Amino acid sequence: MSFTQESAETVSLQAMAWLAGNDELLPVFLGASGASEADFRNGLGDPVFQGAVLDFVMMDDAWVMAFCESAGLDYTVVAQARAALPGGGEWHWT
């Protein structure tokens, strides 16, 4: 399944809602990203910020699994959605 930016944004908004409801993980994201809660709310409409949230979720397989299970999504959806957002096609492994 290929993702449009619009469908990727839908997945990222689901991930943001999941993250916002996670009292243990949201502060980790805010601390790691340097974002404030206001930045998080303002980022809801920003595909670049949405991509950063998906990048964060993909840092841990357990987080991907927890999000996908809560949203009823296949585990591969997060990476596919991330690839469809700005900067998602630019993988730098070195």
Protein backbone atom coordinates (compact mmCIF):
# COMPACT_ATOMS: atom_id res chain seq x y z
CA MET A 1 0.00 0.00 0.00
CA SER A 2 1.41 3.39 -0.93
CA PHE A 3 0.60 6.40 1.18
CA THR A 4 -0.38 9.84 0.02
CA GLN A 5 0.73 12.74 2.18
CA GLU A 6 -2.88 13.10 3.31
CA SER A 7 -3.16 9.49 4.48
CA ALA A 8 0.27 9.77 6.12
CA GLU A 9 -0.88 12.86 7.99
CA THR A 10 -3.90 10.92 9.24
CA VAL A 11 -1.61 8.22 10.66
CA SER A 12 0.68 10.82 12.19
CA LEU A 13 -2.26 12.58 13.85
CA GLN A 14 -3.31 9.24 15.30
CA ALA A 15 0.23 8.79 16.61
CA MET A 16 0.20 12.28 18.08
CA ALA A 17 -3.09 11.58 19.85
CA TRP A 18 -1.66 8.31 21.18
CA LEU A 19 1.49 10.08 22.35
CA ALA A 20 -0.47 12.92 23.97
CA GLY A 21 -2.42 10.35 25.96
CA ASN A 22 0.71 8.57 27.15
CA ASP A 23 1.71 10.23 30.43
CA GLU A 24 5.05 8.40 30.53
CA LEU A 25 6.15 8.83 26.92
CA LEU A 26 4.98 12.37 26.11
CA PRO A 27 7.52 13.98 28.49
CA VAL A 28 10.25 11.84 26.90
CA PHE A 29 9.29 13.16 23.46
CA LEU A 30 9.13 16.74 24.70
CA GLY A 31 12.51 16.43 26.39
CA ALA A 32 14.16 14.73 23.43
CA SER A 33 12.75 17.15 20.88
CA GLY A 34 12.96 20.34 22.93
CA ALA A 35 9.32 21.01 22.05
CA SER A 36 6.90 22.48 24.54
CA GLU A 37 3.32 21.36 24.97
CA ALA A 38 2.30 24.43 22.95
CA ASP A 39 4.71 23.41 20.19
CA PHE A 40 3.16 19.95 20.24
CA ARG A 41 -0.35 21.39 19.81
CA ASN A 42 0.84 23.77 17.09
CA GLY A 43 2.56 20.87 15.33
CA LEU A 44 -0.75 19.13 14.69
CA GLY A 45 -1.04 20.86 11.34
CA ASP A 46 2.65 20.74 10.41
CA PRO A 47 3.69 17.72 8.31
CA VAL A 48 7.35 18.24 9.26
CA PHE A 49 6.51 18.10 12.98
CA GLN A 50 4.24 15.12 12.35
CA GLY A 51 7.20 13.37 10.72
CA ALA A 52 9.32 14.10 13.78
CA VAL A 53 6.68 12.43 15.94
CA LEU A 54 6.73 9.34 13.73
CA ASP A 55 10.55 9.34 13.82
CA PHE A 56 10.34 9.36 17.61
CA VAL A 57 7.80 6.54 17.75
CA MET A 58 9.99 4.46 15.42
CA MET A 59 12.91 4.75 17.83
CA ASP A 60 11.55 1.78 19.79
CA ASP A 61 9.80 -1.28 18.40
CA ALA A 62 7.71 -1.49 21.57
CA TRP A 63 6.39 2.03 20.93
CA VAL A 64 5.52 1.16 17.32
CA MET A 65 3.73 -1.96 18.45
CA ALA A 66 1.84 -0.19 21.25
CA PHE A 67 0.70 2.61 18.95
CA CYS A 68 -0.30 0.30 16.11
CA GLU A 69 -2.15 -2.07 18.41
CA SER A 70 -4.06 0.83 19.97
CA ALA A 71 -4.96 2.20 16.53
CA GLY A 72 -5.67 -1.16 14.92
CA LEU A 73 -2.90 -0.68 12.35
CA ASP A 74 -0.31 -3.02 10.88
CA TYR A 75 3.15 -2.48 12.33
CA THR A 76 4.53 -1.43 8.94
CA VAL A 77 2.17 1.53 8.64
CA VAL A 78 4.30 3.89 10.74
CA ALA A 79 7.34 3.61 8.46
CA GLN A 80 5.19 3.82 5.34
CA ALA A 81 3.46 6.94 6.63
CA ARG A 82 6.78 8.48 7.62
CA ALA A 83 8.16 7.91 4.12
CA ALA A 84 5.25 9.89 2.64
CA LEU A 85 5.86 12.97 4.81
CA PRO A 86 8.47 15.68 4.15
CA GLY A 87 11.97 14.34 4.80
CA GLY A 88 10.75 10.77 5.02
CA GLY A 89 12.45 9.65 1.84
CA GLU A 90 15.84 10.95 2.95
CA TRP A 91 17.46 8.11 4.90
CA HIS A 92 21.01 8.80 6.05
CA TRP A 93 22.55 5.77 7.70
CA THR A 94 26.13 7.00 7.71
